[in-house]
C-alpha atoms as a PDB file:
ATOM      1  CA  MET A   1       0.245   0.596  -0.140  1.00  0.00           C
ATOM      2  CA  LYS A   2       1.581   3.144  -1.323  1.00  0.00           C
ATOM      3  CA  ARG A   3       1.597   5.538   1.737  1.00  0.00           C
ATOM      4  CA  PHE A   4       0.399   8.940   1.371  1.00  0.00           C
ATOM      5  CA  ILE A   5       2.898  12.060   2.577  1.00  0.00           C
ATOM      6  CA  PRO A   6       1.762  14.859   2.652  1.00  0.00           C
ATOM      7  CA  ASN A   7       2.928  18.290   0.118  1.00  0.00           C
ATOM      8  CA  ASN A   8       3.235  21.293   0.883  1.00  0.00           C
ATOM      9  CA  GLN A   9       0.472  21.704  -1.792  1.00  0.00           C
ATOM     10  CA  SER A  10      -2.190  19.995   0.236  1.00  0.00           C
ATOM     11  CA  ILE A  11      -1.003  21.695   3.135  1.00  0.00           C
ATOM     12  CA  LEU A  12      -1.898  25.103   1.812  1.00  0.00           C
ATOM     13  CA  GLU A  13      -5.594  23.960   0.430  1.00  0.00           C
ATOM     14  CA  TRP A  14      -5.917  22.220   4.257  1.00  0.00           C
ATOM     15  CA  LEU A  15      -5.134  25.631   6.003  1.00  0.00           C
ATOM     16  CA  LYS A  16      -7.361  27.606   3.294  1.00  0.00           C
ATOM     17  CA  ALA A  17     -10.132  25.273   4.433  1.00  0.00           C
ATOM     18  CA  ILE A  18      -9.755  25.748   8.006  1.00  0.00           C
ATOM     19  CA  GLY A  19      -9.468  28.897   7.491  1.00  0.00           C
ATOM     20  CA  ILE A  20     -12.146  30.343   5.535  1.00  0.00           C
ATOM     21  CA  SER A  21     -14.194  28.171   7.301  1.00  0.00           C
ATOM     22  CA  PHE A  22     -13.211  30.074  10.860  1.00  0.00           C
ATOM     23  CA  LEU A  23     -14.293  33.023   8.954  1.00  0.00           C
ATOM     24  CA  CYS A  24     -17.339  32.122   8.201  1.00  0.00           C
ATOM     25  CA  VAL A  25     -18.386  30.683  11.226  1.00  0.00           C
ATOM     26  CA  LEU A  26     -16.386  34.078  12.454  1.00  0.00           C
ATOM     27  CA  ILE A  27     -18.925  35.607  10.208  1.00  0.00           C
ATOM     28  CA  ILE A  28     -22.061  34.635  11.271  1.00  0.00           C
ATOM     29  CA  ARG A  29     -21.271  35.027  15.056  1.00  0.00           C
ATOM     30  CA  THR A  30     -20.559  38.042  14.312  1.00  0.00           C
ATOM     31  CA  PHE A  31     -23.303  39.432  12.622  1.00  0.00           C
ATOM     32  CA  PHE A  32     -26.362  36.774  12.258  1.00  0.00           C
ATOM     33  CA  PHE A  33     -26.391  34.675  15.077  1.00  0.00           C
ATOM     34  CA  GLU A  34     -25.401  32.896  18.739  1.00  0.00           C
ATOM     35  CA  ILE A  35     -25.673  29.857  21.060  1.00  0.00           C
ATOM     36  CA  SER A  36     -25.760  30.528  24.417  1.00  0.00           C
ATOM     37  CA  PRO A  37     -26.549  28.838  27.739  1.00  0.00           C
ATOM     38  CA  VAL A  38     -28.527  29.902  30.764  1.00  0.00           C
ATOM     39  CA  SER A  39     -26.314  29.805  33.576  1.00  0.00           C
ATOM     40  CA  SER A  40     -28.705  31.279  36.318  1.00  0.00           C
ATOM     41  CA  PRO A  41     -32.585  31.111  37.258  1.00  0.00           C
ATOM     42  CA  SER A  42     -33.029  34.248  37.119  1.00  0.00           C
ATOM     43  CA  MET A  43     -35.376  34.282  33.800  1.00  0.00           C
ATOM     44  CA  GLU A  44     -37.408  31.174  35.760  1.00  0.00           C
ATOM     45  CA  LYS A  45     -40.040  30.478  34.070  1.00  0.00           C
ATOM     46  CA  SER A  46     -39.103  31.768  31.154  1.00  0.00           C
ATOM     47  CA  LEU A  47     -35.866  30.342  30.425  1.00  0.00           C
ATOM     48  CA  LEU A  48     -34.391  27.433  32.820  1.00  0.00           C
ATOM     49  CA  THR A  49     -30.971  26.792  34.147  1.00  0.00           C
ATOM     50  CA  GLY A  50     -29.205  24.836  31.344  1.00  0.00           C
ATOM     51  CA  ASP A  51     -31.648  25.809  28.709  1.00  0.00           C
ATOM     52  CA  TYR A  52     -29.334  26.696  25.297  1.00  0.00           C
ATOM     53  CA  MET A  53     -30.882  29.680  23.532  1.00  0.00           C
ATOM     54  CA  PHE A  54     -30.746  31.117  20.500  1.00  0.00           C
ATOM     55  CA  ILE A  55     -29.950  34.815  19.939  1.00  0.00           C
ATOM     56  CA  ASN A  56     -31.025  35.700  16.930  1.00  0.00           C
ATOM     57  CA  LYS A  57     -28.148  39.223  15.827  1.00  0.00           C
ATOM     58  CA  LEU A  58     -30.422  40.265  13.114  1.00  0.00           C
ATOM     59  CA  SER A  59     -33.029  41.053  14.969  1.00  0.00           C
ATOM     60  CA  PHE A  60     -32.197  44.452  16.688  1.00  0.00           C
ATOM     61  CA  GLY A  61     -29.190  45.627  13.787  1.00  0.00           C
ATOM     62  CA  PRO A  62     -26.106  43.135  13.446  1.00  0.00           C
ATOM     63  CA  ARG A  63     -23.505  45.361  15.792  1.00  0.00           C
ATOM     64  CA  LEU A  64     -20.184  45.991  14.420  1.00  0.00           C
ATOM     65  CA  LEU A  65     -16.888  44.629  16.100  1.00  0.00           C
ATOM     66  CA  LYS A  66     -15.764  47.234  19.073  1.00  0.00           C
ATOM     67  CA  THR A  67     -12.146  45.748  20.111  1.00  0.00           C
ATOM     68  CA  VAL A  68     -10.037  44.921  16.316  1.00  0.00           C
ATOM     69  CA  PHE A  69      -7.425  42.979  17.568  1.00  0.00           C
ATOM     70  CA  SER A  70      -9.067  40.067  19.879  1.00  0.00           C
ATOM     71  CA  VAL A  71      -9.179  35.908  20.249  1.00  0.00           C
ATOM     72  CA  PRO A  72     -12.632  35.434  19.010  1.00  0.00           C
ATOM     73  CA  PHE A  73     -15.285  33.450  21.090  1.00  0.00           C
ATOM     74  CA  ILE A  74     -13.209  33.835  24.621  1.00  0.00           C
ATOM     75  CA  ASN A  75     -14.938  36.565  26.181  1.00  0.00           C
ATOM     76  CA  GLN A  76     -12.682  39.281  29.054  1.00  0.00           C
ATOM     77  CA  LYS A  77      -9.880  37.496  27.380  1.00  0.00           C
ATOM     78  CA  TYR A  78      -7.250  38.081  25.286  1.00  0.00           C
ATOM     79  CA  TYR A  79      -8.032  41.440  23.439  1.00  0.00           C
ATOM     80  CA  SER A  80      -5.832  44.557  23.361  1.00  0.00           C
ATOM     81  CA  THR A  81      -7.631  48.279  23.077  1.00  0.00           C
ATOM     82  CA  LEU A  82      -5.161  49.467  20.691  1.00  0.00           C
ATOM     83  CA  ILE A  83      -7.557  50.446  17.922  1.00  0.00           C
ATOM     84  CA  SER A  84     -11.466  50.118  19.076  1.00  0.00           C
ATOM     85  CA  LEU A  85     -14.229  51.700  16.792  1.00  0.00           C
ATOM     86  CA  PRO A  86     -16.619  53.841  17.662  1.00  0.00           C
ATOM     87  CA  TYR A  87     -20.202  51.779  17.689  1.00  0.00           C
ATOM     88  CA  MET A  88     -21.822  51.273  14.638  1.00  0.00           C
ATOM     89  CA  ARG A  89     -25.086  48.998  13.890  1.00  0.00           C
ATOM     90  CA  LEU A  90     -26.131  47.940  10.620  1.00  0.00           C
ATOM     91  CA  PHE A  91     -29.595  48.588   9.605  1.00  0.00           C
ATOM     92  CA  GLY A  92     -29.783  51.905  12.022  1.00  0.00           C
ATOM     93  CA  SER A  93     -30.757  51.339  16.350  1.00  0.00           C
ATOM     94  CA  PRO A  94     -32.606  48.290  17.363  1.00  0.00           C
ATOM     95  CA  ASP A  95     -36.637  47.990  17.675  1.00  0.00           C
ATOM     96  CA  ILE A  96     -36.925  46.555  20.920  1.00  0.00           C
ATOM     97  CA  GLU A  97     -40.460  45.967  22.001  1.00  0.00           C
ATOM     98  CA  ARG A  98     -41.609  45.641  25.142  1.00  0.00           C
ATOM     99  CA  ASN A  99     -41.495  42.028  26.943  1.00  0.00           C
ATOM    100  CA  GLU A 100     -38.784  40.545  24.665  1.00  0.00           C
ATOM    101  CA  VAL A 101     -36.216  38.647  25.599  1.00  0.00           C
ATOM    102  CA  VAL A 102     -32.601  40.411  24.780  1.00  0.00           C
ATOM    103  CA  VAL A 103     -29.469  39.622  25.242  1.00  0.00           C
ATOM    104  CA  PHE A 104     -27.043  42.356  26.516  1.00  0.00           C
ATOM    105  CA  ASN A 105     -23.304  42.765  27.857  1.00  0.00           C
ATOM    106  CA  TYR A 106     -23.208  43.378  31.603  1.00  0.00           C
ATOM    107  CA  PRO A 107     -22.952  46.930  31.801  1.00  0.00           C
ATOM    108  CA  ARG A 108     -20.885  46.777  35.486  1.00  0.00           C
ATOM    109  CA  GLU A 109     -18.192  45.115  33.693  1.00  0.00           C
ATOM    110  CA  ASP A 110     -16.034  49.194  33.151  1.00  0.00           C
ATOM    111  CA  GLU A 111     -13.038  46.961  32.592  1.00  0.00           C
ATOM    112  CA  HIS A 112     -13.726  45.453  29.811  1.00  0.00           C
ATOM    113  CA  PRO A 113     -14.625  46.808  26.383  1.00  0.00           C
ATOM    114  CA  VAL A 114     -18.260  46.660  25.800  1.00  0.00           C
ATOM    115  CA  ASP A 115     -18.688  44.212  23.335  1.00  0.00           C
ATOM    116  CA  HIS A 116     -16.309  41.715  25.485  1.00  0.00           C
ATOM    117  CA  ARG A 117     -18.589  42.085  28.478  1.00  0.00           C
ATOM    118  CA  THR A 118     -20.228  38.866  29.984  1.00  0.00           C
ATOM    119  CA  TYR A 119     -23.403  38.108  28.450  1.00  0.00           C
ATOM    120  CA  PHE A 120     -27.078  38.669  30.394  1.00  0.00           C
ATOM    121  CA  VAL A 121     -30.215  37.998  29.309  1.00  0.00           C
ATOM    122  CA  LYS A 122     -33.596  39.817  30.824  1.00  0.00           C
ATOM    123  CA  ARG A 123     -36.335  41.167  29.824  1.00  0.00           C
ATOM    124  CA  CYS A 124     -36.745  44.024  28.399  1.00  0.00           C
ATOM    125  CA  ILE A 125     -39.822  45.607  30.689  1.00  0.00           C
ATOM    126  CA  ALA A 126     -39.223  49.507  29.395  1.00  0.00           C
ATOM    127  CA  LEU A 127     -38.457  50.980  26.709  1.00  0.00           C
ATOM    128  CA  PRO A 128     -36.541  55.375  25.718  1.00  0.00           C
ATOM    129  CA  GLY A 129     -39.175  57.286  27.030  1.00  0.00           C
ATOM    130  CA  ASP A 130     -41.611  54.979  29.075  1.00  0.00           C
ATOM    131  CA  SER A 131     -42.812  56.447  32.510  1.00  0.00           C
ATOM    132  CA  PHE A 132     -41.995  53.019  34.476  1.00  0.00           C
ATOM    133  CA  LYS A 133     -42.166  52.032  37.863  1.00  0.00           C
ATOM    134  CA  ILE A 134     -43.247  49.209  40.799  1.00  0.00           C
ATOM    135  CA  VAL A 135     -45.952  48.818  42.864  1.00  0.00           C
ATOM    136  CA  ASP A 136     -45.629  45.902  45.347  1.00  0.00           C
ATOM    137  CA  GLY A 137     -44.072  43.568  43.249  1.00  0.00           C
ATOM    138  CA  LEU A 138     -45.822  44.633  39.817  1.00  0.00           C
ATOM    139  CA  VAL A 139     -44.805  47.156  36.708  1.00  0.00           C
ATOM    140  CA  TYR A 140     -46.378  49.482  35.444  1.00  0.00           C
ATOM    141  CA  ILE A 141     -45.192  51.786  32.416  1.00  0.00           C
ATOM    142  CA  ASN A 142     -46.641  54.995  31.631  1.00  0.00           C
ATOM    143  CA  ASN A 143     -49.344  54.129  34.587  1.00  0.00           C
ATOM    144  CA  LYS A 144     -51.092  50.929  33.076  1.00  0.00           C
ATOM    145  CA  LEU A 145     -50.427  47.649  34.837  1.00  0.00           C
ATOM    146  CA  ALA A 146     -47.797  45.816  31.918  1.00  0.00           C
ATOM    147  CA  ASP A 147     -47.156  42.666  34.060  1.00  0.00           C
ATOM    148  CA  ASN A 148     -48.975  39.543  33.854  1.00  0.00           C
ATOM    149  CA  GLU A 149     -48.290  37.672  37.911  1.00  0.00           C
ATOM    150  CA  ASN A 150     -49.095  34.080  35.963  1.00  0.00           C
ATOM    151  CA  ASN A 151     -45.917  34.656  33.739  1.00  0.00           C
ATOM    152  CA  LEU A 152     -43.990  35.198  37.074  1.00  0.00           C
ATOM    153  CA  GLN A 153     -42.028  34.115  39.859  1.00  0.00           C
ATOM    154  CA  PHE A 154     -41.979  35.789  43.483  1.00  0.00           C
ATOM    155  CA  ASN A 155     -40.241  34.885  46.699  1.00  0.00           C
ATOM    156  CA  TYR A 156     -43.417  33.164  49.570  1.00  0.00           C
ATOM    157  CA  HIS A 157     -43.076  32.358  53.101  1.00  0.00           C
ATOM    158  CA  LEU A 158     -45.147  29.220  53.437  1.00  0.00           C
ATOM    159  CA  LYS A 159     -45.726  27.927  57.763  1.00  0.00           C
ATOM    160  CA  SER A 160     -46.142  23.651  56.988  1.00  0.00           C
ATOM    161  CA  GLU A 161     -47.728  21.176  59.839  1.00  0.00           C
ATOM    162  CA  GLN A 162     -45.395  18.932  58.175  1.00  0.00           C
ATOM    163  CA  LEU A 163     -41.661  18.414  57.084  1.00  0.00           C
ATOM    164  CA  LEU A 164     -41.266  19.581  53.487  1.00  0.00           C
ATOM    165  CA  ASP A 165     -39.045  17.130  52.143  1.00  0.00           C
ATOM    166  CA  SER A 166     -36.916  16.981  49.144  1.00  0.00           C
ATOM    167  CA  SER A 167     -39.901  14.559  48.052  1.00  0.00           C
ATOM    168  CA  PHE A 168     -41.612  17.201  48.148  1.00  0.00           C
ATOM    169  CA  ILE A 169     -39.488  20.274  46.867  1.00  0.00           C
ATOM    170  CA  ALA A 170     -38.918  17.894  43.557  1.00  0.00           C
ATOM    171  CA  ARG A 171     -42.340  17.418  42.445  1.00  0.00           C
ATOM    172  CA  TYR A 172     -43.582  20.530  42.512  1.00  0.00           C
ATOM    173  CA  ASN A 173     -39.658  21.254  40.852  1.00  0.00           C
ATOM    174  CA  LEU A 174     -38.513  24.032  43.756  1.00  0.00           C
ATOM    175  CA  VAL A 175     -35.401  24.930  42.215  1.00  0.00           C
ATOM    176  CA  GLU A 176     -34.656  28.132  45.060  1.00  0.00           C
ATOM    177  CA  GLY A 177     -35.464  28.454  48.419  1.00  0.00           C
ATOM    178  CA  GLY A 178     -35.840  25.609  51.550  1.00  0.00           C
ATOM    179  CA  LYS A 179     -36.319  25.758  54.906  1.00  0.00           C
ATOM    180  CA  ILE A 180     -35.560  29.175  56.991  1.00  0.00           C
ATOM    181  CA  SER A 181     -36.782  28.830  60.830  1.00  0.00           C
ATOM    182  CA  ASP A 182     -37.424  24.822  62.581  1.00  0.00           C
ATOM    183  CA  ASN A 183     -40.503  25.977  63.652  1.00  0.00           C
ATOM    184  CA  LYS A 184     -41.770  24.742  59.951  1.00  0.00           C
ATOM    185  CA  ASP A 185     -40.871  27.615  58.116  1.00  0.00           C
ATOM    186  CA  TYR A 186     -40.011  27.482  54.089  1.00  0.00           C
ATOM    187  CA  SER A 187     -39.057  30.001  51.622  1.00  0.00           C
ATOM    188  CA  PHE A 188     -39.430  29.533  48.170  1.00  0.00           C
ATOM    189  CA  THR A 189     -39.810  31.152  44.513  1.00  0.00           C
ATOM    190  CA  LEU A 190     -42.683  29.848  43.089  1.00  0.00           C
ATOM    191  CA  THR A 191     -45.273  31.282  40.162  1.00  0.00           C
ATOM    192  CA  ASN A 192     -48.933  32.309  41.135  1.00  0.00           C
ATOM    193  CA  ASN A 193     -49.948  29.194  40.157  1.00  0.00           C
ATOM    194  CA  LEU A 194     -47.953  26.846  41.903  1.00  0.00           C
ATOM    195  CA  ALA A 195     -48.887  28.840  45.054  1.00  0.00           C
ATOM    196  CA  ASP A 196     -52.167  28.911  44.723  1.00  0.00           C
ATOM    197  CA  THR A 197     -51.713  25.179  43.663  1.00  0.00           C
ATOM    198  CA  LEU A 198     -50.017  24.982  47.561  1.00  0.00           C
ATOM    199  CA  ARG A 199     -52.355  27.291  49.323  1.00  0.00           C
ATOM    200  CA  SER A 200     -55.363  24.076  48.693  1.00  0.00           C
ATOM    201  CA  LYS A 201     -52.764  22.117  50.912  1.00  0.00           C
ATOM    202  CA  THR A 202     -54.344  21.217  54.255  1.00  0.00           C
ATOM    203  CA  TYR A 203     -50.690  21.032  55.673  1.00  0.00           C
ATOM    204  CA  ILE A 204     -49.904  24.393  54.155  1.00  0.00           C
ATOM    205  CA  THR A 205     -51.119  26.723  57.177  1.00  0.00           C
ATOM    206  CA  LYS A 206     -49.601  30.169  55.399  1.00  0.00           C
ATOM    207  CA  ILE A 207     -48.811  31.043  52.013  1.00  0.00           C
ATOM    208  CA  GLU A 208     -47.773  35.179  51.403  1.00  0.00           C
ATOM    209  CA  ARG A 209     -45.449  36.661  48.788  1.00  0.00           C
ATOM    210  CA  ASN A 210     -42.717  38.286  50.404  1.00  0.00           C
ATOM    211  CA  VAL A 211     -42.841  42.172  49.491  1.00  0.00           C
ATOM    212  CA  GLU A 212     -40.450  44.469  50.758  1.00  0.00           C
ATOM    213  CA  GLU A 213     -43.303  47.691  51.556  1.00  0.00           C
ATOM    214  CA  LYS A 214     -42.958  51.357  49.977  1.00  0.00           C
ATOM    215  CA  GLY A 215     -40.692  53.643  51.623  1.00  0.00           C
ATOM    216  CA  MET A 216     -37.664  50.748  52.633  1.00  0.00           C
ATOM    217  CA  TRP A 217     -34.510  52.135  50.980  1.00  0.00           C
ATOM    218  CA  ASP A 218     -32.484  49.244  49.769  1.00  0.00           C
ATOM    219  CA  GLU A 219     -28.994  50.658  49.648  1.00  0.00           C
ATOM    220  CA  PHE A 220     -27.841  48.032  47.185  1.00  0.00           C
ATOM    221  CA  VAL A 221     -31.067  48.922  44.946  1.00  0.00           C
ATOM    222  CA  PHE A 222     -30.106  52.069  41.692  1.00  0.00           C
ATOM    223  CA  PRO A 223     -29.475  54.809  42.103  1.00  0.00           C
ATOM    224  CA  TYR A 224     -28.025  53.961  45.768  1.00  0.00           C
ATOM    225  CA  ASN A 225     -29.179  57.142  47.663  1.00  0.00           C
ATOM    226  CA  VAL A 226     -30.714  57.254  50.311  1.00  0.00           C
ATOM    227  CA  HIS A 227     -32.740  60.233  49.057  1.00  0.00           C
ATOM    228  CA  TYR A 228     -34.467  57.959  46.364  1.00  0.00           C
ATOM    229  CA  LYS A 229     -36.419  55.402  48.563  1.00  0.00           C
ATOM    230  CA  TRP A 230     -36.258  52.251  46.842  1.00  0.00           C
ATOM    231  CA  ASN A 231     -36.279  49.396  46.426  1.00  0.00           C
ATOM    232  CA  VAL A 232     -37.203  45.701  44.523  1.00  0.00           C
ATOM    233  CA  ASP A 233     -40.367  45.422  45.525  1.00  0.00           C
ATOM    234  CA  ASN A 234     -41.607  49.633  44.706  1.00  0.00           C
ATOM    235  CA  TYR A 235     -39.292  51.509  42.724  1.00  0.00           C
ATOM    236  CA  GLY A 236     -39.763  54.385  40.979  1.00  0.00           C
ATOM    237  CA  SER A 237     -41.086  56.358  39.253  1.00  0.00           C
ATOM    238  CA  LEU A 238     -38.366  56.563  36.905  1.00  0.00           C
ATOM    239  CA  LYS A 239     -38.187  57.944  33.149  1.00  0.00           C
ATOM    240  CA  ILE A 240     -35.943  55.465  30.643  1.00  0.00           C
ATOM    241  CA  PRO A 241     -33.485  58.420  28.461  1.00  0.00           C
ATOM    242  CA  ALA A 242     -34.208  58.959  25.577  1.00  0.00           C
ATOM    243  CA  LYS A 243     -31.765  60.230  22.762  1.00  0.00           C
ATOM    244  CA  GLY A 244     -31.940  63.463  22.001  1.00  0.00           C
ATOM    245  CA  ASP A 245     -33.679  63.768  25.684  1.00  0.00           C
ATOM    246  CA  THR A 246     -32.634  66.969  27.292  1.00  0.00           C
ATOM    247  CA  ILE A 247     -32.382  66.187  31.089  1.00  0.00           C
ATOM    248  CA  LYS A 248     -31.050  69.045  33.910  1.00  0.00           C
ATOM    249  CA  LEU A 249     -29.052  68.301  36.038  1.00  0.00           C
ATOM    250  CA  ASP A 250     -29.028  69.117  40.141  1.00  0.00           C
ATOM    251  CA  THR A 251     -27.125  67.298  42.829  1.00  0.00           C
ATOM    252  CA  LEU A 252     -29.754  65.298  43.588  1.00  0.00           C
ATOM    253  CA  ASN A 253     -30.319  63.528  40.488  1.00  0.00           C
ATOM    254  CA  LEU A 254     -27.142  63.298  39.406  1.00  0.00           C
ATOM    255  CA  CYS A 255     -26.931  59.632  40.324  1.00  0.00           C
ATOM    256  CA  ILE A 256     -29.058  58.444  37.943  1.00  0.00           C
ATOM    257  CA  PHE A 257     -27.523  60.440  35.046  1.00  0.00           C
ATOM    258  CA  GLU A 258     -23.429  59.692  36.431  1.00  0.00           C
ATOM    259  CA  LYS A 259     -23.001  56.411  34.533  1.00  0.00           C
ATOM    260  CA  ILE A 260     -24.316  57.585  31.068  1.00  0.00           C
ATOM    261  CA  ILE A 261     -22.606  61.181  31.494  1.00  0.00           C
ATOM    262  CA  SER A 262     -19.096  59.078  32.356  1.00  0.00           C
ATOM    263  CA  SER A 263     -19.044  55.890  31.938  1.00  0.00           C
ATOM    264  CA  TYR A 264     -21.539  54.950  28.381  1.00  0.00           C
ATOM    265  CA  GLU A 265     -21.157  58.593  26.886  1.00  0.00           C
ATOM    266  CA  SER A 266     -17.117  58.613  27.589  1.00  0.00           C
ATOM    267  CA  ASN A 267     -17.711  62.211  29.318  1.00  0.00           C
ATOM    268  CA  SER A 268     -15.761  64.126  32.390  1.00  0.00           C
ATOM    269  CA  LEU A 269     -17.908  64.743  35.299  1.00  0.00           C
ATOM    270  CA  GLU A 270     -16.838  66.193  37.657  1.00  0.00           C
ATOM    271  CA  LEU A 271     -19.345  68.155  41.103  1.00  0.00           C
ATOM    272  CA  LYS A 272     -17.457  71.280  42.470  1.00  0.00           C
ATOM    273  CA  ASN A 273     -19.246  72.773  45.230  1.00  0.00           C
ATOM    274  CA  ASP A 274     -22.970  71.370  44.499  1.00  0.00           C
ATOM    275  CA  SER A 275     -21.804  73.075  40.628  1.00  0.00           C
ATOM    276  CA  ILE A 276     -21.801  70.160  37.843  1.00  0.00           C
ATOM    277  CA  PHE A 277     -18.793  70.281  35.349  1.00  0.00           C
ATOM    278  CA  ILE A 278     -18.668  68.366  32.253  1.00  0.00           C
ATOM    279  CA  ASN A 279     -16.005  68.096  29.728  1.00  0.00           C
ATOM    280  CA  GLY A 280     -14.874  71.024  32.137  1.00  0.00           C
ATOM    281  CA  VAL A 281     -17.588  73.171  31.783  1.00  0.00           C
ATOM    282  CA  TYR A 282     -20.746  74.275  34.561  1.00  0.00           C
ATOM    283  CA  SER A 283     -23.894  72.013  32.773  1.00  0.00           C
ATOM    284  CA  THR A 284     -27.042  72.219  34.411  1.00  0.00           C
ATOM    285  CA  THR A 285     -28.735  71.008  31.074  1.00  0.00           C
ATOM    286  CA  TYR A 286     -27.486  67.324  29.472  1.00  0.00           C
ATOM    287  CA  ILE A 287     -28.076  66.388  26.250  1.00  0.00           C
ATOM    288  CA  ILE A 288     -28.840  62.370  25.898  1.00  0.00           C
ATOM    289  CA  LYS A 289     -27.216  60.673  23.036  1.00  0.00           C
ATOM    290  CA  GLN A 290     -27.845  57.013  22.716  1.00  0.00           C
ATOM    291  CA  ASP A 291     -31.219  55.039  23.547  1.00  0.00           C
ATOM    292  CA  TYR A 292     -31.184  53.284  27.029  1.00  0.00           C
ATOM    293  CA  TYR A 293     -34.002  50.385  28.180  1.00  0.00           C
ATOM    294  CA  PHE A 294     -34.706  48.934  31.474  1.00  0.00           C
ATOM    295  CA  MET A 295     -34.246  44.949  31.323  1.00  0.00           C
ATOM    296  CA  MET A 296     -35.162  42.854  34.432  1.00  0.00           C
ATOM    297  CA  GLY A 297     -35.515  39.285  34.918  1.00  0.00           C
ATOM    298  CA  ASP A 298     -39.037  36.792  35.314  1.00  0.00           C
ATOM    299  CA  ASN A 299     -37.504  35.672  38.703  1.00  0.00           C
ATOM    300  CA  ARG A 300     -38.506  38.978  40.533  1.00  0.00           C
ATOM    301  CA  HIS A 301     -36.784  38.511  43.730  1.00  0.00           C
ATOM    302  CA  ASN A 302     -33.510  35.962  42.153  1.00  0.00           C
ATOM    303  CA  SER A 303     -32.763  38.455  39.580  1.00  0.00           C
ATOM    304  CA  GLN A 304     -29.979  41.227  39.157  1.00  0.00           C
ATOM    305  CA  ASP A 305     -30.730  43.553  36.387  1.00  0.00           C
ATOM    306  CA  SER A 306     -31.710  47.662  35.926  1.00  0.00           C
ATOM    307  CA  ARG A 307     -33.462  48.006  39.408  1.00  0.00           C
ATOM    308  CA  HIS A 308     -29.550  46.842  40.719  1.00  0.00           C
ATOM    309  CA  TRP A 309     -27.667  48.561  38.293  1.00  0.00           C
ATOM    310  CA  GLY A 310     -29.530  50.691  36.229  1.00  0.00           C
ATOM    311  CA  PHE A 311     -29.527  51.281  32.540  1.00  0.00           C
ATOM    312  CA  VAL A 312     -28.766  49.117  29.871  1.00  0.00           C
ATOM    313  CA  PRO A 313     -27.145  51.283  27.137  1.00  0.00           C
ATOM    314  CA  GLU A 314     -28.192  51.294  23.348  1.00  0.00           C
ATOM    315  CA  ASP A 315     -24.909  49.581  22.691  1.00  0.00           C
ATOM    316  CA  HIS A 316     -24.373  47.037  24.999  1.00  0.00           C
ATOM    317  CA  VAL A 317     -27.538  44.825  23.161  1.00  0.00           C
ATOM    318  CA  ILE A 318     -26.604  42.085  21.280  1.00  0.00           C
ATOM    319  CA  GLY A 319     -29.868  40.690  20.185  1.00  0.00           C
ATOM    320  CA  LYS A 320     -32.969  38.515  20.741  1.00  0.00           C
ATOM    321  CA  ALA A 321     -33.542  35.200  22.727  1.00  0.00           C
ATOM    322  CA  THR A 322     -35.657  34.006  20.407  1.00  0.00           C
ATOM    323  CA  ARG A 323     -35.483  29.426  21.534  1.00  0.00           C
ATOM    324  CA  ILE A 324     -34.370  26.749  23.060  1.00  0.00           C
ATOM    325  CA  ILE A 325     -31.971  25.013  21.204  1.00  0.00           C
ATOM    326  CA  PHE A 326     -30.837  21.952  23.964  1.00  0.00           C
ATOM    327  CA  SER A 327     -31.721  22.086  27.477  1.00  0.00           C
ATOM    328  CA  LYS A 328     -30.734  19.786  30.405  1.00  0.00           C
ATOM    329  CA  ASP A 329     -31.494  18.827  34.121  1.00  0.00           C
ATOM    330  CA  LYS A 330     -28.637  19.575  35.868  1.00  0.00           C
ATOM    331  CA  LEU A 331     -30.017  20.444  38.797  1.00  0.00           C
ATOM    332  CA  TYR A 332     -32.111  17.104  39.603  1.00  0.00           C
ATOM    333  CA  ASP A 333     -29.860  15.118  37.121  1.00  0.00           C
ATOM    334  CA  LYS A 334     -32.731  14.404  35.445  1.00  0.00           C
ATOM    335  CA  GLY A 335     -30.266  14.780  32.126  1.00  0.00           C
ATOM    336  CA  ILE A 336     -32.534  15.868  28.471  1.00  0.00           C
ATOM    337  CA  ARG A 337     -35.512  17.823  28.190  1.00  0.00           C
ATOM    338  CA  TRP A 338     -36.359  16.591  25.809  1.00  0.00           C
ATOM    339  CA  ASN A 339     -40.164  19.071  26.101  1.00  0.00           C
ATOM    340  CA  ARG A 340     -38.010  22.278  26.078  1.00  0.00           C
ATOM    341  CA  ILE A 341     -35.690  21.594  22.705  1.00  0.00           C
ATOM    342  CA  PHE A 342     -36.911  24.145  19.987  1.00  0.00           C
ATOM    343  CA  GLN A 343     -39.711  25.330  21.997  1.00  0.00           C
ATOM    344  CA  SER A 344     -39.898  29.588  21.209  1.00  0.00           C
ATOM    345  CA  ILE A 345     -39.090  31.713  24.215  1.00  0.00           C
ATOM    346  CA  LEU A 346     -41.731  33.723  25.094  1.00  0.00           C
END
């Protein structure tokens, strides 16, 4: 048998084929679509930990690369900021609708360029120009109730006459929570329908949603200022900034717009003797340069979202999560969730 010995020509052909294939994958991933895992329960029950979601980047217009010199497919590593391109998107600005499930770069990772920040997935609750508030856990947009309680999860306090063991947790697929006292007190994350189901059990003597009272200030809630006594269940009212808006600035509301002015829109910002200086100029107003969005998880009490870190800028938006491509139950080790494969994300 004659042994095949590769020559320089065949090696070059193989390298060419590999290079073209790599380039095609890079172009598709950058401009068309991407598959990414769901690694937190913040969007349950819409998205479960272990789901792999299809991200359609054409939905909002493909975003051009910002960091020219970087190793593809690896976030937060192996890049150079020697050349950074300005934000640009094919087909204009993203046309996001309320309640769409959006994938974006995590805004608080200032140490990395935008396109190398962690992927987050949340629901777009409020659009640029909307008036937004939360009252007792439910969202109001432009003073109209926008939430459907049946699609959301909240933390509930349960009191039981009997021990709620692992079989109970598995039967009702309870992902988060457990016993909080030796007096058979429990805290579980539940949908409204599941809470009603558990109320019908004779051994459950008490079940009520946990709600932080209005006026209770949570220091970890945006904008982290005691003047705004907001928490995750009672928040706002807050207007979402839109491109072209002229906002009046003062020492009380500067905490809301500080990151927009200094970080997202790259201005120098100083506060001297209660006077605001932008790029060295005394300023009482500022014109917003891009659109902003308010994102929240469906798992309302177990989600790090815009309530904790503020607005999501337009240039952080990656694409729309449209479909579950694959799903595996890693919590209970039940294997592949066949019923979720190719399911639409609503």
